[in-house]
Amino acid sequence: MRHIYVIGIGTGNPEHVTIQAINAMNAADLIFIPTKGAKKEELAEVRREICERYVQRAAGKTIEFAVPMRETKDRSYVQSVDDWHAAIATTYLGLIDGLPENGSAAFLVWGDPSLYDSTLRILERVRNKVEFEITVIPGITSIQALAASHRIPVNLVGKPVEITTGRRLAEEGLKAESTVVMLDGVQAFAKIDDPDAEIFWGAYLGTKDEIIYAGRLGDVADDIVRTRAEARERHGWIMDIYLLRKGRDFE
């Protein structure tokens, strides 16, 4: 039976790759590298660098494939994502169906496959049409990288952590004492009516381009918005994440 490895590779630093991930990459016959156009070429380049650095198996090869664009016009958010996943599943099916019956391949996933990444759920769609086994290799998440760069724990003592998206934060507001916000294209933190909350923000975490900001939300929100816009213009893309915190330990 065909075998697919879904490998978390961290947030862009090749040194985030674990020994388990290296072993899995060397076990695979093929490694699939997604490309997302010229503006996001750097994302593919990181994956190429990881393969060049760690894959020692002579028979191992890489295959690059274009990721379909998500169409949002005249669609709800859920519908646009569902249609997008269906299009990606069609691409995955073509890649996997080309493997020999006992062949293996690996998908290299930014961060960790379990956290705001859809590779696993898309592969489940593909398994309705072709049989294969899946092995998941965990990776360093952007949450861990953010906490490491700011040298902080994510949670307050004895208190929960919420992990959400910028869209949800904008709709529902800040509720938990510690809220990690991912996938925020609208800078929802700048619209939160809680200027005394603390924010710990980071972009391009773990890479040479890393930028971090921390402070009272009312004092640094505008600086983060400006810095984020400048960085996105400079690189053509941005991956950022932040932690919003209310209160203190033992309060």
C-alpha atoms as a PDB file:
ATOM      1  CA  MET A   1       0.000   0.000   0.000  1.00  0.00           C
ATOM      2  CA  ARG A   2       1.141   3.552  -0.656  1.00  0.00           C
ATOM      3  CA  HIS A   3       2.390   5.511   2.350  1.00  0.00           C
ATOM      4  CA  ILE A   4       2.171   9.264   2.930  1.00  0.00           C
ATOM      5  CA  TYR A   5       4.209  11.152   5.535  1.00  0.00           C
ATOM      6  CA  VAL A   6       2.823  14.486   6.721  1.00  0.00           C
ATOM      7  CA  ILE A   7       5.796  16.252   8.278  1.00  0.00           C
ATOM      8  CA  GLY A   8       5.789  19.407  10.373  1.00  0.00           C
ATOM      9  CA  ILE A   9       8.866  21.514   9.556  1.00  0.00           C
ATOM     10  CA  GLY A  10       8.499  24.463  11.931  1.00  0.00           C
ATOM     11  CA  THR A  11       8.149  28.138  11.092  1.00  0.00           C
ATOM     12  CA  GLY A  12      10.854  28.634   8.488  1.00  0.00           C
ATOM     13  CA  ASN A  13      14.088  27.891  10.307  1.00  0.00           C
ATOM     14  CA  PRO A  14      15.642  24.671   8.919  1.00  0.00           C
ATOM     15  CA  GLU A  15      16.966  23.958  12.416  1.00  0.00           C
ATOM     16  CA  HIS A  16      13.373  23.500  13.607  1.00  0.00           C
ATOM     17  CA  VAL A  17      13.270  20.189  11.741  1.00  0.00           C
ATOM     18  CA  THR A  18      13.347  17.270  14.171  1.00  0.00           C
ATOM     19  CA  ILE A  19      15.349  14.058  13.873  1.00  0.00           C
ATOM     20  CA  GLN A  20      12.058  12.193  13.460  1.00  0.00           C
ATOM     21  CA  ALA A  21      11.198  14.486  10.526  1.00  0.00           C
ATOM     22  CA  ILE A  22      14.618  13.950   8.936  1.00  0.00           C
ATOM     23  CA  ASN A  23      14.220  10.180   9.197  1.00  0.00           C
ATOM     24  CA  ALA A  24      10.771  10.364   7.615  1.00  0.00           C
ATOM     25  CA  MET A  25      12.010  12.524   4.738  1.00  0.00           C
ATOM     26  CA  ASN A  26      14.749   9.995   4.057  1.00  0.00           C
ATOM     27  CA  ALA A  27      12.232   7.148   4.151  1.00  0.00           C
ATOM     28  CA  ALA A  28      10.073   8.727   1.435  1.00  0.00           C
ATOM     29  CA  ASP A  29      10.550   8.038  -2.269  1.00  0.00           C
ATOM     30  CA  LEU A  30       9.231  11.507  -3.128  1.00  0.00           C
ATOM     31  CA  ILE A  31       8.874  14.808  -1.311  1.00  0.00           C
ATOM     32  CA  PHE A  32       6.139  17.128  -2.550  1.00  0.00           C
ATOM     33  CA  ILE A  33       6.953  20.855  -2.451  1.00  0.00           C
ATOM     34  CA  PRO A  34       4.040  23.289  -2.895  1.00  0.00           C
ATOM     35  CA  THR A  35       4.533  26.541  -4.785  1.00  0.00           C
ATOM     36  CA  LYS A  36       2.274  29.572  -4.395  1.00  0.00           C
ATOM     37  CA  GLY A  37       3.488  31.977  -7.059  1.00  0.00           C
ATOM     38  CA  ALA A  38       6.363  34.436  -7.274  1.00  0.00           C
ATOM     39  CA  LYS A  39       5.327  36.479  -4.233  1.00  0.00           C
ATOM     40  CA  LYS A  40       5.581  33.445  -1.971  1.00  0.00           C
ATOM     41  CA  GLU A  41       8.590  31.815  -3.618  1.00  0.00           C
ATOM     42  CA  GLU A  42      10.489  32.099  -0.347  1.00  0.00           C
ATOM     43  CA  LEU A  43       8.142  29.557   1.250  1.00  0.00           C
ATOM     44  CA  ALA A  44       9.075  26.977  -1.381  1.00  0.00           C
ATOM     45  CA  GLU A  45      12.738  27.909  -1.093  1.00  0.00           C
ATOM     46  CA  VAL A  46      12.761  27.075   2.629  1.00  0.00           C
ATOM     47  CA  ARG A  47      11.415  23.619   1.832  1.00  0.00           C
ATOM     48  CA  ARG A  48      14.067  23.154  -0.864  1.00  0.00           C
ATOM     49  CA  GLU A  49      16.775  24.166   1.594  1.00  0.00           C
ATOM     50  CA  ILE A  50      15.482  21.670   4.148  1.00  0.00           C
ATOM     51  CA  CYS A  51      15.582  18.890   1.556  1.00  0.00           C
ATOM     52  CA  GLU A  52      19.078  19.834   0.393  1.00  0.00           C
ATOM     53  CA  ARG A  53      20.341  19.938   3.952  1.00  0.00           C
ATOM     54  CA  TYR A  54      18.802  16.773   5.341  1.00  0.00           C
ATOM     55  CA  VAL A  55      17.790  14.336   2.599  1.00  0.00           C
ATOM     56  CA  GLN A  56      20.692  11.968   2.023  1.00  0.00           C
ATOM     57  CA  ARG A  57      18.856   9.127   0.312  1.00  0.00           C
ATOM     58  CA  ALA A  58      20.188   8.976  -3.243  1.00  0.00           C
ATOM     59  CA  ALA A  59      16.894   7.681  -4.625  1.00  0.00           C
ATOM     60  CA  GLY A  60      14.844  10.409  -2.940  1.00  0.00           C
ATOM     61  CA  LYS A  61      13.381  13.035  -5.260  1.00  0.00           C
ATOM     62  CA  THR A  62      11.335  16.202  -4.948  1.00  0.00           C
ATOM     63  CA  ILE A  63       8.315  17.139  -7.022  1.00  0.00           C
ATOM     64  CA  GLU A  64       6.957  20.668  -7.014  1.00  0.00           C
ATOM     65  CA  PHE A  65       3.280  21.409  -7.558  1.00  0.00           C
ATOM     66  CA  ALA A  66       1.215  24.580  -7.790  1.00  0.00           C
ATOM     67  CA  VAL A  67      -1.342  25.118  -5.033  1.00  0.00           C
ATOM     68  CA  PRO A  68      -4.753  26.198  -6.387  1.00  0.00           C
ATOM     69  CA  MET A  69      -5.841  29.716  -5.460  1.00  0.00           C
ATOM     70  CA  ARG A  70      -8.787  30.194  -3.107  1.00  0.00           C
ATOM     71  CA  GLU A  71     -11.728  31.923  -4.783  1.00  0.00           C
ATOM     72  CA  THR A  72     -13.686  34.207  -2.453  1.00  0.00           C
ATOM     73  CA  LYS A  73     -15.961  36.196  -4.766  1.00  0.00           C
ATOM     74  CA  ASP A  74     -19.684  35.530  -4.170  1.00  0.00           C
ATOM     75  CA  ARG A  75     -18.852  32.822  -1.612  1.00  0.00           C
ATOM     76  CA  SER A  76     -19.135  32.621   2.154  1.00  0.00           C
ATOM     77  CA  TYR A  77     -15.925  31.949   4.072  1.00  0.00           C
ATOM     78  CA  VAL A  78     -16.895  28.324   4.709  1.00  0.00           C
ATOM     79  CA  GLN A  79     -17.903  27.733   1.087  1.00  0.00           C
ATOM     80  CA  SER A  80     -14.735  29.301  -0.289  1.00  0.00           C
ATOM     81  CA  VAL A  81     -12.575  27.106   1.955  1.00  0.00           C
ATOM     82  CA  ASP A  82     -14.586  23.977   1.097  1.00  0.00           C
ATOM     83  CA  ASP A  83     -14.209  24.642  -2.634  1.00  0.00           C
ATOM     84  CA  TRP A  84     -10.507  25.393  -2.178  1.00  0.00           C
ATOM     85  CA  HIS A  85      -9.917  22.152  -0.292  1.00  0.00           C
ATOM     86  CA  ALA A  86     -11.732  20.242  -3.025  1.00  0.00           C
ATOM     87  CA  ALA A  87      -9.429  21.763  -5.649  1.00  0.00           C
ATOM     88  CA  ILE A  88      -6.329  20.926  -3.608  1.00  0.00           C
ATOM     89  CA  ALA A  89      -7.614  17.386  -3.068  1.00  0.00           C
ATOM     90  CA  THR A  90      -7.789  16.954  -6.841  1.00  0.00           C
ATOM     91  CA  THR A  91      -4.150  18.052  -7.077  1.00  0.00           C
ATOM     92  CA  TYR A  92      -3.134  15.692  -4.251  1.00  0.00           C
ATOM     93  CA  LEU A  93      -4.977  12.826  -5.937  1.00  0.00           C
ATOM     94  CA  GLY A  94      -2.935  13.279  -9.094  1.00  0.00           C
ATOM     95  CA  LEU A  95       0.312  13.296  -7.100  1.00  0.00           C
ATOM     96  CA  ILE A  96      -0.508  10.243  -4.979  1.00  0.00           C
ATOM     97  CA  ASP A  97      -2.105   8.248  -7.780  1.00  0.00           C
ATOM     98  CA  GLY A  98       1.200   8.533  -9.640  1.00  0.00           C
ATOM     99  CA  LEU A  99       3.032   6.652  -6.898  1.00  0.00           C
ATOM    100  CA  PRO A 100       3.786   2.950  -7.389  1.00  0.00           C
ATOM    101  CA  GLU A 101       1.622   0.583  -5.346  1.00  0.00           C
ATOM    102  CA  ASN A 102       4.145   0.357  -2.490  1.00  0.00           C
ATOM    103  CA  GLY A 103       5.632   3.817  -2.959  1.00  0.00           C
ATOM    104  CA  SER A 104       5.869   6.557  -0.361  1.00  0.00           C
ATOM    105  CA  ALA A 105       5.843  10.340  -0.392  1.00  0.00           C
ATOM    106  CA  ALA A 106       6.012  13.236   2.051  1.00  0.00           C
ATOM    107  CA  PHE A 107       4.240  16.556   2.391  1.00  0.00           C
ATOM    108  CA  LEU A 108       6.253  19.192   4.274  1.00  0.00           C
ATOM    109  CA  VAL A 109       3.853  21.249   6.383  1.00  0.00           C
ATOM    110  CA  TRP A 110       4.663  24.684   7.767  1.00  0.00           C
ATOM    111  CA  GLY A 111       4.529  24.578  11.576  1.00  0.00           C
ATOM    112  CA  ASP A 112       2.624  21.497  12.719  1.00  0.00           C
ATOM    113  CA  PRO A 113       0.034  19.461  10.769  1.00  0.00           C
ATOM    114  CA  SER A 114      -2.445  19.592  13.661  1.00  0.00           C
ATOM    115  CA  LEU A 115      -2.738  23.374  14.088  1.00  0.00           C
ATOM    116  CA  TYR A 116      -4.546  25.534  11.524  1.00  0.00           C
ATOM    117  CA  ASP A 117      -3.306  23.451   8.639  1.00  0.00           C
ATOM    118  CA  SER A 118      -5.626  21.444   6.420  1.00  0.00           C
ATOM    119  CA  THR A 119      -3.282  18.895   4.840  1.00  0.00           C
ATOM    120  CA  LEU A 120      -4.694  16.041   6.927  1.00  0.00           C
ATOM    121  CA  ARG A 121      -8.343  16.831   6.271  1.00  0.00           C
ATOM    122  CA  ILE A 122      -7.644  17.259   2.549  1.00  0.00           C
ATOM    123  CA  LEU A 123      -5.867  13.906   2.458  1.00  0.00           C
ATOM    124  CA  GLU A 124      -8.969  12.325   3.995  1.00  0.00           C
ATOM    125  CA  ARG A 125     -10.899  13.487   0.928  1.00  0.00           C
ATOM    126  CA  VAL A 126      -8.299  11.839  -1.290  1.00  0.00           C
ATOM    127  CA  ARG A 127      -8.506   8.554   0.624  1.00  0.00           C
ATOM    128  CA  ASN A 128     -12.070   8.196  -0.641  1.00  0.00           C
ATOM    129  CA  LYS A 129     -10.569   7.608  -4.093  1.00  0.00           C
ATOM    130  CA  VAL A 130      -7.178   5.963  -3.533  1.00  0.00           C
ATOM    131  CA  GLU A 131      -5.849   3.876  -0.649  1.00  0.00           C
ATOM    132  CA  PHE A 132      -2.800   4.880   1.370  1.00  0.00           C
ATOM    133  CA  GLU A 133      -1.553   4.943   4.936  1.00  0.00           C
ATOM    134  CA  ILE A 134      -0.625   8.159   6.747  1.00  0.00           C
ATOM    135  CA  THR A 135       2.121   8.856   9.266  1.00  0.00           C
ATOM    136  CA  VAL A 136       2.122  12.276  10.962  1.00  0.00           C
ATOM    137  CA  ILE A 137       5.349  13.828  12.232  1.00  0.00           C
ATOM    138  CA  PRO A 138       4.758  16.759  14.616  1.00  0.00           C
ATOM    139  CA  GLY A 139       6.624  20.031  14.187  1.00  0.00           C
ATOM    140  CA  ILE A 140       7.411  23.203  16.118  1.00  0.00           C
ATOM    141  CA  THR A 141       4.334  25.436  15.976  1.00  0.00           C
ATOM    142  CA  SER A 142       4.288  29.192  15.520  1.00  0.00           C
ATOM    143  CA  ILE A 143       2.883  29.371  19.062  1.00  0.00           C
ATOM    144  CA  GLN A 144       6.012  27.754  20.456  1.00  0.00           C
ATOM    145  CA  ALA A 145       8.240  29.931  18.274  1.00  0.00           C
ATOM    146  CA  LEU A 146       6.417  33.090  19.427  1.00  0.00           C
ATOM    147  CA  ALA A 147       6.772  32.184  23.100  1.00  0.00           C
ATOM    148  CA  ALA A 148      10.456  31.337  22.627  1.00  0.00           C
ATOM    149  CA  SER A 149      11.243  34.613  20.868  1.00  0.00           C
ATOM    150  CA  HIS A 150       9.496  36.634  23.591  1.00  0.00           C
ATOM    151  CA  ARG A 151      10.883  34.369  26.345  1.00  0.00           C
ATOM    152  CA  ILE A 152       7.477  33.918  27.953  1.00  0.00           C
ATOM    153  CA  PRO A 153       5.101  31.082  28.881  1.00  0.00           C
ATOM    154  CA  VAL A 154       1.903  31.093  26.857  1.00  0.00           C
ATOM    155  CA  ASN A 155      -0.458  30.584  29.795  1.00  0.00           C
ATOM    156  CA  LEU A 156      -0.971  32.348  33.096  1.00  0.00           C
ATOM    157  CA  VAL A 157      -0.712  30.087  36.151  1.00  0.00           C
ATOM    158  CA  GLY A 158      -3.736  27.798  36.380  1.00  0.00           C
ATOM    159  CA  LYS A 159      -5.617  29.604  33.592  1.00  0.00           C
ATOM    160  CA  PRO A 160      -6.718  28.449  30.132  1.00  0.00           C
ATOM    161  CA  VAL A 161      -5.444  29.483  26.718  1.00  0.00           C
ATOM    162  CA  GLU A 162      -7.703  30.172  23.758  1.00  0.00           C
ATOM    163  CA  ILE A 163      -6.384  29.651  20.223  1.00  0.00           C
ATOM    164  CA  THR A 164      -8.431  31.450  17.594  1.00  0.00           C
ATOM    165  CA  THR A 165      -8.288  33.382  14.331  1.00  0.00           C
ATOM    166  CA  GLY A 166      -8.334  37.086  13.570  1.00  0.00           C
ATOM    167  CA  ARG A 167     -11.779  36.675  12.015  1.00  0.00           C
ATOM    168  CA  ARG A 168     -13.165  35.121  15.202  1.00  0.00           C
ATOM    169  CA  LEU A 169     -11.473  37.703  17.429  1.00  0.00           C
ATOM    170  CA  ALA A 170     -13.048  40.506  15.401  1.00  0.00           C
ATOM    171  CA  GLU A 171     -16.485  38.879  15.688  1.00  0.00           C
ATOM    172  CA  GLU A 172     -16.402  37.757  19.320  1.00  0.00           C
ATOM    173  CA  GLY A 173     -13.903  40.047  21.054  1.00  0.00           C
ATOM    174  CA  LEU A 174     -11.272  39.203  23.652  1.00  0.00           C
ATOM    175  CA  LYS A 175     -12.550  36.712  26.233  1.00  0.00           C
ATOM    176  CA  ALA A 176      -9.816  34.511  27.717  1.00  0.00           C
ATOM    177  CA  GLU A 177      -6.943  35.704  29.883  1.00  0.00           C
ATOM    178  CA  SER A 178      -4.510  34.379  27.262  1.00  0.00           C
ATOM    179  CA  THR A 179      -5.585  34.355  23.623  1.00  0.00           C
ATOM    180  CA  VAL A 180      -3.353  33.223  20.766  1.00  0.00           C
ATOM    181  CA  VAL A 181      -4.473  34.672  17.442  1.00  0.00           C
ATOM    182  CA  MET A 182      -3.519  33.148  14.101  1.00  0.00           C
ATOM    183  CA  LEU A 183      -4.467  33.886  10.495  1.00  0.00           C
ATOM    184  CA  ASP A 184      -5.234  37.542  11.151  1.00  0.00           C
ATOM    185  CA  GLY A 185      -5.291  39.394   7.858  1.00  0.00           C
ATOM    186  CA  VAL A 186      -7.332  42.298   9.251  1.00  0.00           C
ATOM    187  CA  GLN A 187      -5.238  43.155  12.319  1.00  0.00           C
ATOM    188  CA  ALA A 188      -8.153  42.489  14.656  1.00  0.00           C
ATOM    189  CA  PHE A 189      -5.999  43.368  17.672  1.00  0.00           C
ATOM    190  CA  ALA A 190      -6.106  47.045  16.618  1.00  0.00           C
ATOM    191  CA  LYS A 191      -9.900  47.020  16.972  1.00  0.00           C
ATOM    192  CA  ILE A 192     -10.027  45.478  20.447  1.00  0.00           C
ATOM    193  CA  ASP A 193     -11.431  47.851  23.072  1.00  0.00           C
ATOM    194  CA  ASP A 194      -9.018  46.791  25.807  1.00  0.00           C
ATOM    195  CA  PRO A 195      -5.999  49.095  25.659  1.00  0.00           C
ATOM    196  CA  ASP A 196      -4.508  47.700  28.863  1.00  0.00           C
ATOM    197  CA  ALA A 197      -4.200  44.176  27.487  1.00  0.00           C
ATOM    198  CA  GLU A 198      -0.673  43.041  26.662  1.00  0.00           C
ATOM    199  CA  ILE A 199       0.274  41.937  23.170  1.00  0.00           C
ATOM    200  CA  PHE A 200       3.201  39.757  22.150  1.00  0.00           C
ATOM    201  CA  TRP A 201       3.430  39.839  18.337  1.00  0.00           C
ATOM    202  CA  GLY A 202       5.819  38.174  15.927  1.00  0.00           C
ATOM    203  CA  ALA A 203       6.309  37.693  12.194  1.00  0.00           C
ATOM    204  CA  TYR A 204       8.678  35.439  10.204  1.00  0.00           C
ATOM    205  CA  LEU A 205       9.414  33.701  13.492  1.00  0.00           C
ATOM    206  CA  GLY A 206      12.614  31.704  13.729  1.00  0.00           C
ATOM    207  CA  THR A 207      14.044  33.166  10.519  1.00  0.00           C
ATOM    208  CA  LYS A 208      16.620  35.863   9.771  1.00  0.00           C
ATOM    209  CA  ASP A 209      13.714  38.236   9.017  1.00  0.00           C
ATOM    210  CA  GLU A 210      12.010  37.765  12.395  1.00  0.00           C
ATOM    211  CA  ILE A 211      10.253  40.820  13.836  1.00  0.00           C
ATOM    212  CA  ILE A 212       8.740  40.922  17.319  1.00  0.00           C
ATOM    213  CA  TYR A 213       6.848  43.547  19.310  1.00  0.00           C
ATOM    214  CA  ALA A 214       5.502  43.480  22.866  1.00  0.00           C
ATOM    215  CA  GLY A 215       3.780  45.918  25.158  1.00  0.00           C
ATOM    216  CA  ARG A 216       0.529  47.489  26.246  1.00  0.00           C
ATOM    217  CA  LEU A 217      -1.926  47.118  23.379  1.00  0.00           C
ATOM    218  CA  GLY A 218      -2.939  50.771  23.474  1.00  0.00           C
ATOM    219  CA  ASP A 219       0.705  51.829  23.161  1.00  0.00           C
ATOM    220  CA  VAL A 220       2.003  49.507  20.420  1.00  0.00           C
ATOM    221  CA  ALA A 221      -0.979  48.520  18.241  1.00  0.00           C
ATOM    222  CA  ASP A 222      -0.407  51.281  15.680  1.00  0.00           C
ATOM    223  CA  ASP A 223       3.316  50.486  15.511  1.00  0.00           C
ATOM    224  CA  ILE A 224       2.553  46.825  14.820  1.00  0.00           C
ATOM    225  CA  VAL A 225       0.047  47.676  12.086  1.00  0.00           C
ATOM    226  CA  ARG A 226       2.597  49.935  10.386  1.00  0.00           C
ATOM    227  CA  THR A 227       5.469  47.473  10.790  1.00  0.00           C
ATOM    228  CA  ARG A 228       3.352  44.614   9.477  1.00  0.00           C
ATOM    229  CA  ALA A 229       2.322  46.561   6.367  1.00  0.00           C
ATOM    230  CA  GLU A 230       5.933  47.554   5.645  1.00  0.00           C
ATOM    231  CA  ALA A 231       7.156  43.967   6.074  1.00  0.00           C
ATOM    232  CA  ARG A 232       4.461  42.567   3.816  1.00  0.00           C
ATOM    233  CA  GLU A 233       5.282  45.098   1.125  1.00  0.00           C
ATOM    234  CA  ARG A 234       8.979  44.279   1.414  1.00  0.00           C
ATOM    235  CA  HIS A 235       8.615  40.482   1.278  1.00  0.00           C
ATOM    236  CA  GLY A 236       5.417  40.101  -0.715  1.00  0.00           C
ATOM    237  CA  TRP A 237       3.932  37.891   2.021  1.00  0.00           C
ATOM    238  CA  ILE A 238       3.738  37.698   5.798  1.00  0.00           C
ATOM    239  CA  MET A 239       3.090  35.044   8.418  1.00  0.00           C
ATOM    240  CA  ASP A 240       2.444  36.490  11.849  1.00  0.00           C
ATOM    241  CA  ILE A 241       0.885  35.470  15.130  1.00  0.00           C
ATOM    242  CA  TYR A 242       0.295  37.107  18.485  1.00  0.00           C
ATOM    243  CA  LEU A 243      -0.697  36.498  22.071  1.00  0.00           C
ATOM    244  CA  LEU A 244      -3.112  38.819  23.847  1.00  0.00           C
ATOM    245  CA  ARG A 245      -2.995  38.645  27.620  1.00  0.00           C
ATOM    246  CA  LYS A 246      -5.187  40.088  30.384  1.00  0.00           C
ATOM    247  CA  GLY A 247      -4.243  39.893  34.044  1.00  0.00           C
ATOM    248  CA  ARG A 248      -1.238  38.437  35.839  1.00  0.00           C
ATOM    249  CA  ASP A 249      -0.152  35.205  37.475  1.00  0.00           C
ATOM    250  CA  PHE A 250      -1.858  34.485  40.820  1.00  0.00           C
ATOM    251  CA  GLU A 251      -4.475  37.211  40.393  1.00  0.00           C
END
